[in-house]
Amino acid sequence: MANSNRPLSPHLQVYKPQITSVMSIFHRMTGVALGVGTLFLMWWLVSVAAGPEYYAFVAEIAGSIIGRLVLLGFTWALFYHLCNGLRHLYWDAGWGFELESVTRSGWLVVVASVVLTVVAWAVAYGMGG
């Protein structure tokens, strides 16, 4: 390093987390989770084509407690990523940059993602799932 006297940029040790930073981190994490979840979705589709025995094996895993928790997390990640993506489209149009609006829309994304997840699971289980 040529100049070791340069100040370091403040990071998480200096700034307290704000809703925008936390949501940005979760948006990235849910994007990765959706990528991994899509691999599991493809595994399920391949099991359908592979025959009834292999499908039963995969369905048993998906229907287990762990499998259902993973599916619940995947559902929430999908709705969170969708709602936050819509929020970003709103920003791309140049709207909602006021501090109060940013905070309100952030909490709206969190609440909407939870509500949509609950509704989706209620509909799925209401239809015999």
Protein backbone atom coordinates (compact mmCIF):
# COMPACT_ATOMS: atom_id res chain seq x y z
CA MET A 1 0.00 0.00 0.00
CA ALA A 2 1.40 3.32 -1.05
CA ASN A 3 -0.35 5.45 1.55
CA SER A 4 -1.38 3.76 4.78
CA ASN A 5 -2.57 7.05 6.33
CA ARG A 6 -5.71 7.15 4.22
CA PRO A 7 -8.95 7.02 6.20
CA LEU A 8 -11.06 3.92 5.87
CA SER A 9 -14.60 4.19 4.59
CA PRO A 10 -17.14 3.75 7.40
CA HIS A 11 -18.90 0.42 7.32
CA LEU A 12 -21.31 -1.57 9.45
CA GLN A 13 -19.26 -0.83 12.56
CA VAL A 14 -20.05 2.89 12.19
CA TYR A 15 -23.52 3.09 10.63
CA LYS A 16 -26.57 1.66 12.35
CA PRO A 17 -28.75 -0.45 10.06
CA GLN A 18 -31.56 1.45 8.36
CA ILE A 19 -34.56 -0.01 6.61
CA THR A 20 -33.07 0.72 3.19
CA SER A 21 -29.82 -1.08 3.92
CA VAL A 22 -31.52 -4.06 5.59
CA MET A 23 -33.98 -4.38 2.70
CA SER A 24 -31.17 -4.20 0.16
CA ILE A 25 -29.36 -7.03 1.92
CA PHE A 26 -32.56 -9.11 2.09
CA HIS A 27 -33.28 -8.42 -1.58
CA ARG A 28 -29.91 -9.88 -2.50
CA MET A 29 -30.36 -12.82 -0.13
CA THR A 30 -33.83 -13.62 -1.46
CA GLY A 31 -32.49 -13.44 -5.01
CA VAL A 32 -29.93 -16.12 -4.14
CA ALA A 33 -32.57 -18.15 -2.27
CA LEU A 34 -34.86 -18.01 -5.31
CA GLY A 35 -32.03 -19.29 -7.49
CA VAL A 36 -31.42 -22.24 -5.17
CA GLY A 37 -35.17 -22.80 -4.77
CA THR A 38 -35.55 -22.95 -8.53
CA LEU A 39 -33.09 -25.86 -8.56
CA PHE A 40 -35.37 -27.69 -6.12
CA LEU A 41 -38.36 -26.86 -8.31
CA MET A 42 -36.52 -28.37 -11.28
CA TRP A 43 -35.75 -31.47 -9.18
CA TRP A 44 -39.47 -31.84 -8.49
CA LEU A 45 -40.30 -31.46 -12.21
CA VAL A 46 -37.69 -34.07 -13.14
CA SER A 47 -39.16 -36.41 -10.52
CA VAL A 48 -42.57 -36.08 -12.19
CA ALA A 49 -41.03 -37.19 -15.48
CA ALA A 50 -38.95 -39.93 -13.84
CA GLY A 51 -41.91 -41.97 -12.70
CA PRO A 52 -44.25 -42.50 -9.78
CA GLU A 53 -41.71 -44.08 -7.42
CA TYR A 54 -39.20 -41.25 -7.70
CA TYR A 55 -41.98 -38.66 -7.56
CA ALA A 56 -43.26 -40.25 -4.33
CA PHE A 57 -39.74 -40.01 -2.88
CA VAL A 58 -39.43 -36.30 -3.72
CA ALA A 59 -43.00 -35.58 -2.59
CA GLU A 60 -42.25 -37.24 0.75
CA ILE A 61 -39.23 -34.96 1.24
CA ALA A 62 -41.21 -31.87 0.22
CA GLY A 63 -44.05 -32.86 2.56
CA SER A 64 -41.82 -33.31 5.59
CA ILE A 65 -41.55 -30.61 8.26
CA ILE A 66 -38.19 -29.44 6.88
CA GLY A 67 -39.49 -29.57 3.31
CA ARG A 68 -42.52 -27.47 4.21
CA LEU A 69 -40.35 -24.93 6.05
CA VAL A 70 -38.14 -24.66 2.96
CA LEU A 71 -41.24 -24.20 0.77
CA LEU A 72 -42.58 -21.57 3.17
CA GLY A 73 -39.27 -19.72 3.04
CA PHE A 74 -39.21 -19.98 -0.75
CA THR A 75 -42.74 -18.59 -0.94
CA TRP A 76 -41.87 -15.65 1.32
CA ALA A 77 -38.65 -14.98 -0.63
CA LEU A 78 -40.62 -14.97 -3.87
CA PHE A 79 -43.18 -12.47 -2.59
CA TYR A 80 -40.56 -10.31 -0.85
CA HIS A 81 -38.44 -10.14 -4.00
CA LEU A 82 -41.53 -9.36 -6.10
CA CYS A 83 -42.80 -6.59 -3.80
CA ASN A 84 -39.35 -5.04 -3.39
CA GLY A 85 -38.83 -5.20 -7.16
CA LEU A 86 -42.09 -3.28 -7.62
CA ARG A 87 -40.82 -0.75 -5.10
CA HIS A 88 -37.68 -0.32 -7.17
CA LEU A 89 -39.76 0.16 -10.33
CA TYR A 90 -41.63 2.89 -8.49
CA TRP A 91 -38.29 4.51 -7.69
CA ASP A 92 -37.15 4.11 -11.30
CA ALA A 93 -40.10 6.28 -12.28
CA GLY A 94 -38.68 8.97 -9.96
CA TRP A 95 -41.29 8.64 -7.23
CA GLY A 96 -41.05 7.97 -3.51
CA PHE A 97 -37.59 9.27 -2.64
CA GLU A 98 -38.71 11.33 0.35
CA LEU A 99 -37.41 9.84 3.60
CA GLU A 100 -40.90 9.22 4.98
CA SER A 101 -42.00 7.58 1.72
CA VAL A 102 -38.92 5.34 1.61
CA THR A 103 -39.56 4.13 5.15
CA ARG A 104 -43.29 3.64 4.58
CA SER A 105 -42.78 1.73 1.31
CA GLY A 106 -40.13 -0.43 2.98
CA TRP A 107 -42.48 -1.52 5.73
CA LEU A 108 -45.25 -1.98 3.15
CA VAL A 109 -43.02 -4.44 1.28
CA VAL A 110 -42.37 -6.40 4.49
CA VAL A 111 -46.05 -6.54 5.46
CA ALA A 112 -47.22 -7.29 1.91
CA SER A 113 -44.74 -10.16 1.53
CA VAL A 114 -45.92 -11.76 4.78
CA VAL A 115 -49.62 -11.26 3.93
CA LEU A 116 -49.18 -12.66 0.40
CA THR A 117 -47.31 -15.67 1.79
CA VAL A 118 -50.07 -16.38 4.32
CA VAL A 119 -52.77 -15.97 1.65
CA ALA A 120 -50.94 -18.23 -0.80
CA TRP A 121 -50.53 -20.97 1.81
CA ALA A 122 -54.14 -20.58 2.99
CA VAL A 123 -55.36 -20.95 -0.60
CA ALA A 124 -53.07 -23.93 -1.22
CA TYR A 125 -54.22 -25.73 1.92
CA GLY A 126 -57.83 -24.68 1.36
CA MET A 127 -57.72 -26.46 -2.00
CA GLY A 128 -56.74 -29.79 -0.48
CA GLY A 129 -52.94 -29.23 -0.20
